[in-house]
Amino acid sequence: MIAEAEYDLVVLAVGVQPNPEAAHPFADGALTLDEHGYVAEVDEDINPGATSIPGVFVAGAASGARDIPESILHSGAAVAQAAAQLERRRVPA
């Protein structure tokens, strides 16, 4: 059956699910996942991107469902965290 209708707004969206294999590259239980199965952040407000493993960072939708601008902002914060980690370990020339 074909039907016609008028709408003010139509939203098309797909479901987002975490990757169930995200923690597999790490030792059992070393990378903490949240209650939904996304990679957990130690403290998103203070250390965005920091995970339960020092030196391992998460970015974008790997830590939860995010839109594009939020993913870009979160990824930039994770990159800053990774750069700071590398700078602290830099060997003087």
PDB file of N, CA and C in Angstrom:
ATOM      1  N   MET A   1       0.830  -1.176   0.000  1.00  0.00           N
ATOM      2  CA  MET A   1       0.000   0.000   0.000  1.00  0.00           C
ATOM      3  C   MET A   1       0.883   1.251   0.000  1.00  0.00           C
ATOM      4  N   ILE A   2       0.624   2.175  -0.872  1.00  0.00           N
ATOM      5  CA  ILE A   2       1.361   3.431  -0.967  1.00  0.00           C
ATOM      6  C   ILE A   2       0.487   4.527  -0.362  1.00  0.00           C
ATOM      7  N   ALA A   3       1.119   5.356   0.491  1.00  0.00           N
ATOM      8  CA  ALA A   3       0.385   6.439   1.141  1.00  0.00           C
ATOM      9  C   ALA A   3       1.198   7.715   1.039  1.00  0.00           C
ATOM     10  N   GLU A   4       0.537   8.825   0.958  1.00  0.00           N
ATOM     11  CA  GLU A   4       1.179  10.130   0.951  1.00  0.00           C
ATOM     12  C   GLU A   4       0.827  10.856   2.229  1.00  0.00           C
ATOM     13  N   ALA A   5       1.810  11.627   2.739  1.00  0.00           N
ATOM     14  CA  ALA A   5       1.575  12.411   3.940  1.00  0.00           C
ATOM     15  C   ALA A   5       2.521  13.603   3.928  1.00  0.00           C
ATOM     16  N   GLU A   6       2.144  14.671   4.589  1.00  0.00           N
ATOM     17  CA  GLU A   6       2.984  15.850   4.730  1.00  0.00           C
ATOM     18  C   GLU A   6       3.454  15.954   6.173  1.00  0.00           C
ATOM     19  N   TYR A   7       4.750  16.290   6.320  1.00  0.00           N
ATOM     20  CA  TYR A   7       5.330  16.425   7.642  1.00  0.00           C
ATOM     21  C   TYR A   7       6.143  17.704   7.699  1.00  0.00           C
ATOM     22  N   ASP A   8       6.249  18.294   8.869  1.00  0.00           N
ATOM     23  CA  ASP A   8       7.102  19.464   9.072  1.00  0.00           C
ATOM     24  C   ASP A   8       8.565  19.051   9.194  1.00  0.00           C
ATOM     25  N   LEU A   9       8.816  17.855   9.737  1.00  0.00           N
ATOM     26  CA  LEU A   9      10.168  17.392   9.970  1.00  0.00           C
ATOM     27  C   LEU A   9      10.190  15.870   9.946  1.00  0.00           C
ATOM     28  N   VAL A  10      11.176  15.322   9.256  1.00  0.00           N
ATOM     29  CA  VAL A  10      11.382  13.879   9.239  1.00  0.00           C
ATOM     30  C   VAL A  10      12.829  13.621   9.633  1.00  0.00           C
ATOM     31  N   VAL A  11      13.037  12.773  10.618  1.00  0.00           N
ATOM     32  CA  VAL A  11      14.373  12.451  11.086  1.00  0.00           C
ATOM     33  C   VAL A  11      14.654  10.988  10.782  1.00  0.00           C
ATOM     34  N   LEU A  12      15.734  10.757  10.040  1.00  0.00           N
ATOM     35  CA  LEU A  12      16.162   9.400   9.746  1.00  0.00           C
ATOM     36  C   LEU A  12      17.433   9.142  10.536  1.00  0.00           C
ATOM     37  N   ALA A  13      17.451   8.081  11.299  1.00  0.00           N
ATOM     38  CA  ALA A  13      18.619   7.794  12.130  1.00  0.00           C
ATOM     39  C   ALA A  13      18.831   6.286  12.223  1.00  0.00           C
ATOM     40  N   VAL A  14      20.073   5.908  12.407  1.00  0.00           N
ATOM     41  CA  VAL A  14      20.390   4.494  12.600  1.00  0.00           C
ATOM     42  C   VAL A  14      20.808   4.292  14.049  1.00  0.00           C
ATOM     43  N   GLY A  15      20.656   3.093  14.534  1.00  0.00           N
ATOM     44  CA  GLY A  15      21.076   2.782  15.891  1.00  0.00           C
ATOM     45  C   GLY A  15      22.590   2.752  15.992  1.00  0.00           C
ATOM     46  N   VAL A  16      23.118   3.149  17.124  1.00  0.00           N
ATOM     47  CA  VAL A  16      24.555   3.142  17.364  1.00  0.00           C
ATOM     48  C   VAL A  16      24.837   2.143  18.465  1.00  0.00           C
ATOM     49  N   GLN A  17      25.792   1.266  18.200  1.00  0.00           N
ATOM     50  CA  GLN A  17      26.182   0.278  19.202  1.00  0.00           C
ATOM     51  C   GLN A  17      27.697   0.295  19.357  1.00  0.00           C
ATOM     52  N   PRO A  18      28.178  -0.020  20.568  1.00  0.00           N
ATOM     53  CA  PRO A  18      29.627  -0.069  20.764  1.00  0.00           C
ATOM     54  C   PRO A  18      30.224  -1.290  20.077  1.00  0.00           C
ATOM     55  N   ASN A  19      31.506  -1.210  19.762  1.00  0.00           N
ATOM     56  CA  ASN A  19      32.217  -2.339  19.176  1.00  0.00           C
ATOM     57  C   ASN A  19      32.506  -3.347  20.289  1.00  0.00           C
ATOM     58  N   PRO A  20      31.954  -4.547  20.210  1.00  0.00           N
ATOM     59  CA  PRO A  20      32.168  -5.528  21.281  1.00  0.00           C
ATOM     60  C   PRO A  20      33.615  -6.009  21.371  1.00  0.00           C
ATOM     61  N   GLU A  21      34.431  -5.728  20.361  1.00  0.00           N
ATOM     62  CA  GLU A  21      35.824  -6.173  20.367  1.00  0.00           C
ATOM     63  C   GLU A  21      36.805  -5.061  20.738  1.00  0.00           C
ATOM     64  N   ALA A  22      36.325  -3.942  21.224  1.00  0.00           N
ATOM     65  CA  ALA A  22      37.192  -2.802  21.532  1.00  0.00           C
ATOM     66  C   ALA A  22      38.256  -3.138  22.569  1.00  0.00           C
ATOM     67  N   ALA A  23      37.941  -3.966  23.535  1.00  0.00           N
ATOM     68  CA  ALA A  23      38.890  -4.281  24.606  1.00  0.00           C
ATOM     69  C   ALA A  23      39.767  -5.483  24.279  1.00  0.00           C
ATOM     70  N   HIS A  24      39.526  -6.175  23.184  1.00  0.00           N
ATOM     71  CA  HIS A  24      40.282  -7.399  22.860  1.00  0.00           C
ATOM     72  C   HIS A  24      41.785  -7.217  22.703  1.00  0.00           C
ATOM     73  N   PRO A  25      42.286  -6.102  22.152  1.00  0.00           N
ATOM     74  CA  PRO A  25      43.748  -5.980  22.005  1.00  0.00           C
ATOM     75  C   PRO A  25      44.496  -5.861  23.336  1.00  0.00           C
ATOM     76  N   PHE A  26      43.781  -5.681  24.430  1.00  0.00           N
ATOM     77  CA  PHE A  26      44.407  -5.471  25.730  1.00  0.00           C
ATOM     78  C   PHE A  26      44.209  -6.699  26.609  1.00  0.00           C
ATOM     79  N   ALA A  27      45.053  -6.818  27.628  1.00  0.00           N
ATOM     80  CA  ALA A  27      44.943  -7.944  28.557  1.00  0.00           C
ATOM     81  C   ALA A  27      43.540  -7.978  29.168  1.00  0.00           C
ATOM     82  N   ASP A  28      43.111  -9.148  29.559  1.00  0.00           N
ATOM     83  CA  ASP A  28      41.760  -9.313  30.118  1.00  0.00           C
ATOM     84  C   ASP A  28      41.470  -8.305  31.222  1.00  0.00           C
ATOM     85  N   GLY A  29      40.454  -7.491  30.982  1.00  0.00           N
ATOM     86  CA  GLY A  29      40.003  -6.538  31.976  1.00  0.00           C
ATOM     87  C   GLY A  29      40.839  -5.279  32.111  1.00  0.00           C
ATOM     88  N   ALA A  30      41.919  -5.157  31.377  1.00  0.00           N
ATOM     89  CA  ALA A  30      42.777  -3.974  31.525  1.00  0.00           C
ATOM     90  C   ALA A  30      42.092  -2.710  31.020  1.00  0.00           C
ATOM     91  N   LEU A  31      41.347  -2.828  29.926  1.00  0.00           N
ATOM     92  CA  LEU A  31      40.626  -1.669  29.384  1.00  0.00           C
ATOM     93  C   LEU A  31      39.194  -1.743  29.885  1.00  0.00           C
ATOM     94  N   THR A  32      38.818  -0.784  30.707  1.00  0.00           N
ATOM     95  CA  THR A  32      37.492  -0.778  31.309  1.00  0.00           C
ATOM     96  C   THR A  32      36.449  -0.276  30.315  1.00  0.00           C
ATOM     97  N   LEU A  33      35.325  -0.974  30.267  1.00  0.00           N
ATOM     98  CA  LEU A  33      34.183  -0.554  29.459  1.00  0.00           C
ATOM     99  C   LEU A  33      33.104  -0.026  30.389  1.00  0.00           C
ATOM    100  N   ASP A  34      32.258   0.882  29.884  1.00  0.00           N
ATOM    101  CA  ASP A  34      31.170   1.383  30.723  1.00  0.00           C
ATOM    102  C   ASP A  34      30.004   0.399  30.701  1.00  0.00           C
ATOM    103  N   GLU A  35      28.932   0.761  31.365  1.00  0.00           N
ATOM    104  CA  GLU A  35      27.777  -0.144  31.489  1.00  0.00           C
ATOM    105  C   GLU A  35      27.091  -0.423  30.157  1.00  0.00           C
ATOM    106  N   HIS A  36      27.381   0.373  29.128  1.00  0.00           N
ATOM    107  CA  HIS A  36      26.774   0.176  27.813  1.00  0.00           C
ATOM    108  C   HIS A  36      27.712  -0.545  26.841  1.00  0.00           C
ATOM    109  N   GLY A  37      28.968  -0.769  27.251  1.00  0.00           N
ATOM    110  CA  GLY A  37      29.927  -1.465  26.399  1.00  0.00           C
ATOM    111  C   GLY A  37      30.873  -0.560  25.635  1.00  0.00           C
ATOM    112  N   TYR A  38      30.786   0.748  25.872  1.00  0.00           N
ATOM    113  CA  TYR A  38      31.727   1.695  25.261  1.00  0.00           C
ATOM    114  C   TYR A  38      32.991   1.764  26.117  1.00  0.00           C
ATOM    115  N   VAL A  39      34.095   2.231  25.539  1.00  0.00           N
ATOM    116  CA  VAL A  39      35.334   2.396  26.295  1.00  0.00           C
ATOM    117  C   VAL A  39      35.096   3.481  27.348  1.00  0.00           C
ATOM    118  N   ALA A  40      35.362   3.135  28.610  1.00  0.00           N
ATOM    119  CA  ALA A  40      35.120   4.062  29.721  1.00  0.00           C
ATOM    120  C   ALA A  40      36.272   5.055  29.841  1.00  0.00           C
ATOM    121  N   GLU A  41      35.923   6.279  30.184  1.00  0.00           N
ATOM    122  CA  GLU A  41      36.917   7.313  30.458  1.00  0.00           C
ATOM    123  C   GLU A  41      37.064   7.443  31.969  1.00  0.00           C
ATOM    124  N   VAL A  42      38.291   7.654  32.421  1.00  0.00           N
ATOM    125  CA  VAL A  42      38.549   7.775  33.854  1.00  0.00           C
ATOM    126  C   VAL A  42      37.758   8.950  34.417  1.00  0.00           C
ATOM    127  N   ASP A  43      37.894  10.108  33.802  1.00  0.00           N
ATOM    128  CA  ASP A  43      37.146  11.307  34.204  1.00  0.00           C
ATOM    129  C   ASP A  43      37.042  12.221  32.990  1.00  0.00           C
ATOM    130  N   GLU A  44      35.919  12.150  32.300  1.00  0.00           N
ATOM    131  CA  GLU A  44      35.756  12.884  31.044  1.00  0.00           C
ATOM    132  C   GLU A  44      35.887  14.394  31.222  1.00  0.00           C
ATOM    133  N   ASP A  45      35.504  14.916  32.375  1.00  0.00           N
ATOM    134  CA  ASP A  45      35.558  16.364  32.587  1.00  0.00           C
ATOM    135  C   ASP A  45      36.984  16.867  32.806  1.00  0.00           C
ATOM    136  N   ILE A  46      37.802  16.106  33.522  1.00  0.00           N
ATOM    137  CA  ILE A  46      39.157  16.553  33.843  1.00  0.00           C
ATOM    138  C   ILE A  46      40.183  16.016  32.853  1.00  0.00           C
ATOM    139  N   ASN A  47      40.053  14.757  32.461  1.00  0.00           N
ATOM    140  CA  ASN A  47      40.997  14.116  31.543  1.00  0.00           C
ATOM    141  C   ASN A  47      40.248  13.478  30.379  1.00  0.00           C
ATOM    142  N   PRO A  48      39.708  14.274  29.475  1.00  0.00           N
ATOM    143  CA  PRO A  48      38.953  13.685  28.369  1.00  0.00           C
ATOM    144  C   PRO A  48      39.823  12.763  27.525  1.00  0.00           C
ATOM    145  N   GLY A  49      39.327  11.567  27.297  1.00  0.00           N
ATOM    146  CA  GLY A  49      40.049  10.603  26.475  1.00  0.00           C
ATOM    147  C   GLY A  49      40.880   9.623  27.272  1.00  0.00           C
ATOM    148  N   ALA A  50      41.201   9.922  28.535  1.00  0.00           N
ATOM    149  CA  ALA A  50      42.013   9.022  29.349  1.00  0.00           C
ATOM    150  C   ALA A  50      41.215   7.772  29.706  1.00  0.00           C
ATOM    151  N   THR A  51      41.844   6.612  29.546  1.00  0.00           N
ATOM    152  CA  THR A  51      41.185   5.341  29.862  1.00  0.00           C
ATOM    153  C   THR A  51      41.793   4.740  31.125  1.00  0.00           C
ATOM    154  N   SER A  52      41.390   3.530  31.445  1.00  0.00           N
ATOM    155  CA  SER A  52      41.902   2.832  32.615  1.00  0.00           C
ATOM    156  C   SER A  52      43.346   2.380  32.443  1.00  0.00           C
ATOM    157  N   ILE A  53      43.892   2.500  31.226  1.00  0.00           N
ATOM    158  CA  ILE A  53      45.282   2.125  30.959  1.00  0.00           C
ATOM    159  C   ILE A  53      46.072   3.407  30.705  1.00  0.00           C
ATOM    160  N   PRO A  54      47.064   3.718  31.548  1.00  0.00           N
ATOM    161  CA  PRO A  54      47.868   4.926  31.316  1.00  0.00           C
ATOM    162  C   PRO A  54      48.509   4.903  29.930  1.00  0.00           C
ATOM    163  N   GLY A  55      48.393   6.021  29.206  1.00  0.00           N
ATOM    164  CA  GLY A  55      48.968   6.119  27.868  1.00  0.00           C
ATOM    165  C   GLY A  55      48.061   5.629  26.760  1.00  0.00           C
ATOM    166  N   VAL A  56      46.890   5.091  27.099  1.00  0.00           N
ATOM    167  CA  VAL A  56      45.906   4.661  26.096  1.00  0.00           C
ATOM    168  C   VAL A  56      44.737   5.627  26.178  1.00  0.00           C
ATOM    169  N   PHE A  57      44.373   6.215  25.038  1.00  0.00           N
ATOM    170  CA  PHE A  57      43.332   7.232  25.001  1.00  0.00           C
ATOM    171  C   PHE A  57      42.218   6.801  24.049  1.00  0.00           C
ATOM    172  N   VAL A  58      41.019   7.267  24.317  1.00  0.00           N
ATOM    173  CA  VAL A  58      39.856   6.966  23.487  1.00  0.00           C
ATOM    174  C   VAL A  58      39.336   8.283  22.921  1.00  0.00           C
ATOM    175  N   ALA A  59      38.800   8.214  21.701  1.00  0.00           N
ATOM    176  CA  ALA A  59      38.307   9.433  21.072  1.00  0.00           C
ATOM    177  C   ALA A  59      37.001   9.179  20.341  1.00  0.00           C
ATOM    178  N   GLY A  60      36.195  10.218  20.256  1.00  0.00           N
ATOM    179  CA  GLY A  60      34.970  10.172  19.468  1.00  0.00           C
ATOM    180  C   GLY A  60      33.957   9.157  19.955  1.00  0.00           C
ATOM    181  N   ALA A  61      33.319   8.490  19.005  1.00  0.00           N
ATOM    182  CA  ALA A  61      32.203   7.595  19.309  1.00  0.00           C
ATOM    183  C   ALA A  61      32.622   6.282  19.965  1.00  0.00           C
ATOM    184  N   ALA A  62      33.918   6.024  20.119  1.00  0.00           N
ATOM    185  CA  ALA A  62      34.349   4.812  20.815  1.00  0.00           C
ATOM    186  C   ALA A  62      34.007   4.882  22.302  1.00  0.00           C
ATOM    187  N   SER A  63      33.802   6.107  22.817  1.00  0.00           N
ATOM    188  CA  SER A  63      33.465   6.261  24.229  1.00  0.00           C
ATOM    189  C   SER A  63      31.984   6.559  24.458  1.00  0.00           C
ATOM    190  N   GLY A  64      31.192   6.571  23.404  1.00  0.00           N
ATOM    191  CA  GLY A  64      29.754   6.803  23.534  1.00  0.00           C
ATOM    192  C   GLY A  64      29.192   7.421  22.269  1.00  0.00           C
ATOM    193  N   ALA A  65      27.887   7.383  22.159  1.00  0.00           N
ATOM    194  CA  ALA A  65      27.227   7.954  20.982  1.00  0.00           C
ATOM    195  C   ALA A  65      27.409   9.467  20.989  1.00  0.00           C
ATOM    196  N   ARG A  66      27.948   9.995  19.901  1.00  0.00           N
ATOM    197  CA  ARG A  66      28.204  11.432  19.788  1.00  0.00           C
ATOM    198  C   ARG A  66      27.854  11.904  18.383  1.00  0.00           C
ATOM    199  N   ASP A  67      27.501  13.179  18.272  1.00  0.00           N
ATOM    200  CA  ASP A  67      27.304  13.734  16.936  1.00  0.00           C
ATOM    201  C   ASP A  67      28.676  14.183  16.405  1.00  0.00           C
ATOM    202  N   ILE A  68      28.713  14.658  15.172  1.00  0.00           N
ATOM    203  CA  ILE A  68      29.986  14.989  14.534  1.00  0.00           C
ATOM    204  C   ILE A  68      30.731  16.113  15.263  1.00  0.00           C
ATOM    205  N   PRO A  69      30.100  17.252  15.572  1.00  0.00           N
ATOM    206  CA  PRO A  69      30.855  18.304  16.269  1.00  0.00           C
ATOM    207  C   PRO A  69      31.386  17.838  17.630  1.00  0.00           C
ATOM    208  N   GLU A  70      30.595  17.088  18.352  1.00  0.00           N
ATOM    209  CA  GLU A  70      31.032  16.588  19.659  1.00  0.00           C
ATOM    210  C   GLU A  70      32.187  15.588  19.503  1.00  0.00           C
ATOM    211  N   SER A  71      32.141  14.752  18.465  1.00  0.00           N
ATOM    212  CA  SER A  71      33.228  13.807  18.200  1.00  0.00           C
ATOM    213  C   SER A  71      34.526  14.533  17.867  1.00  0.00           C
ATOM    214  N   ILE A  72      34.424  15.601  17.081  1.00  0.00           N
ATOM    215  CA  ILE A  72      35.610  16.378  16.716  1.00  0.00           C
ATOM    216  C   ILE A  72      36.214  17.036  17.964  1.00  0.00           C
ATOM    217  N   LEU A  73      35.394  17.629  18.794  1.00  0.00           N
ATOM    218  CA  LEU A  73      35.867  18.266  20.014  1.00  0.00           C
ATOM    219  C   LEU A  73      36.508  17.242  20.955  1.00  0.00           C
ATOM    220  N   HIS A  74      35.858  16.108  21.135  1.00  0.00           N
ATOM    221  CA  HIS A  74      36.368  15.059  22.014  1.00  0.00           C
ATOM    222  C   HIS A  74      37.670  14.477  21.471  1.00  0.00           C
ATOM    223  N   SER A  75      37.753  14.292  20.172  1.00  0.00           N
ATOM    224  CA  SER A  75      38.978  13.767  19.563  1.00  0.00           C
ATOM    225  C   SER A  75      40.142  14.732  19.744  1.00  0.00           C
ATOM    226  N   GLY A  76      39.875  16.025  19.605  1.00  0.00           N
ATOM    227  CA  GLY A  76      40.919  17.022  19.825  1.00  0.00           C
ATOM    228  C   GLY A  76      41.429  16.990  21.258  1.00  0.00           C
ATOM    229  N   ALA A  77      40.532  16.799  22.212  1.00  0.00           N
ATOM    230  CA  ALA A  77      40.936  16.711  23.616  1.00  0.00           C
ATOM    231  C   ALA A  77      41.786  15.469  23.855  1.00  0.00           C
ATOM    232  N   ALA A  78      41.416  14.349  23.236  1.00  0.00           N
ATOM    233  CA  ALA A  78      42.192  13.116  23.384  1.00  0.00           C
ATOM    234  C   ALA A  78      43.578  13.268  22.758  1.00  0.00           C
ATOM    235  N   VAL A  79      43.658  13.950  21.626  1.00  0.00           N
ATOM    236  CA  VAL A  79      44.956  14.195  20.985  1.00  0.00           C
ATOM    237  C   VAL A  79      45.830  15.064  21.895  1.00  0.00           C
ATOM    238  N   ALA A  80      45.243  16.058  22.520  1.00  0.00           N
ATOM    239  CA  ALA A  80      45.997  16.912  23.440  1.00  0.00           C
ATOM    240  C   ALA A  80      46.535  16.089  24.612  1.00  0.00           C
ATOM    241  N   GLN A  81      45.717  15.169  25.108  1.00  0.00           N
ATOM    242  CA  GLN A  81      46.157  14.288  26.202  1.00  0.00           C
ATOM    243  C   GLN A  81      47.326  13.411  25.739  1.00  0.00           C
ATOM    244  N   ALA A  82      47.211  12.846  24.545  1.00  0.00           N
ATOM    245  CA  ALA A  82      48.278  11.984  24.012  1.00  0.00           C
ATOM    246  C   ALA A  82      49.559  12.788  23.778  1.00  0.00           C
ATOM    247  N   ALA A  83      49.437  14.006  23.249  1.00  0.00           N
ATOM    248  CA  ALA A  83      50.603  14.849  23.013  1.00  0.00           C
ATOM    249  C   ALA A  83      51.290  15.209  24.332  1.00  0.00           C
ATOM    250  N   ALA A  84      50.499  15.499  25.358  1.00  0.00           N
ATOM    251  CA  ALA A  84      51.068  15.811  26.671  1.00  0.00           C
ATOM    252  C   ALA A  84      51.802  14.597  27.230  1.00  0.00           C
ATOM    253  N   GLN A  85      51.245  13.413  27.036  1.00  0.00           N
ATOM    254  CA  GLN A  85      51.887  12.171  27.489  1.00  0.00           C
ATOM    255  C   GLN A  85      53.236  11.989  26.790  1.00  0.00           C
ATOM    256  N   LEU A  86      53.262  12.206  25.493  1.00  0.00           N
ATOM    257  CA  LEU A  86      54.506  12.067  24.731  1.00  0.00           C
ATOM    258  C   LEU A  86      55.536  13.111  25.154  1.00  0.00           C
ATOM    259  N   GLU A  87      55.085  14.328  25.382  1.00  0.00           N
ATOM    260  CA  GLU A  87      55.995  15.402  25.778  1.00  0.00           C
ATOM    261  C   GLU A  87      56.644  15.093  27.126  1.00  0.00           C
ATOM    262  N   ARG A  88      55.878  14.523  28.055  1.00  0.00           N
ATOM    263  CA  ARG A  88      56.429  14.167  29.364  1.00  0.00           C
ATOM    264  C   ARG A  88      57.495  13.081  29.251  1.00  0.00           C
ATOM    265  N   ARG A  89      57.406  12.231  28.233  1.00  0.00           N
ATOM    266  CA  ARG A  89      58.348  11.134  28.072  1.00  0.00           C
ATOM    267  C   ARG A  89      59.481  11.454  27.093  1.00  0.00           C
ATOM    268  N   ARG A  90      59.503  12.654  26.567  1.00  0.00           N
ATOM    269  CA  ARG A  90      60.506  13.044  25.586  1.00  0.00           C
ATOM    270  C   ARG A  90      61.903  13.010  26.206  1.00  0.00           C
ATOM    271  N   VAL A  91      62.814  12.459  25.450  1.00  0.00           N
ATOM    272  CA  VAL A  91      64.208  12.399  25.875  1.00  0.00           C
ATOM    273  C   VAL A  91      64.886  13.689  25.403  1.00  0.00           C
ATOM    274  N   PRO A  92      65.558  14.398  26.307  1.00  0.00           N
ATOM    275  CA  PRO A  92      66.221  15.644  25.887  1.00  0.00           C
ATOM    276  C   PRO A  92      67.271  15.377  24.795  1.00  0.00           C
ATOM    277  N   ALA A  93      67.338  16.266  23.835  1.00  0.00           N
ATOM    278  CA  ALA A  93      68.291  16.092  22.713  1.00  0.00           C
ATOM    279  C   ALA A  93      69.690  16.473  23.101  1.00  0.00           C
TER     280      ALA A  93
END
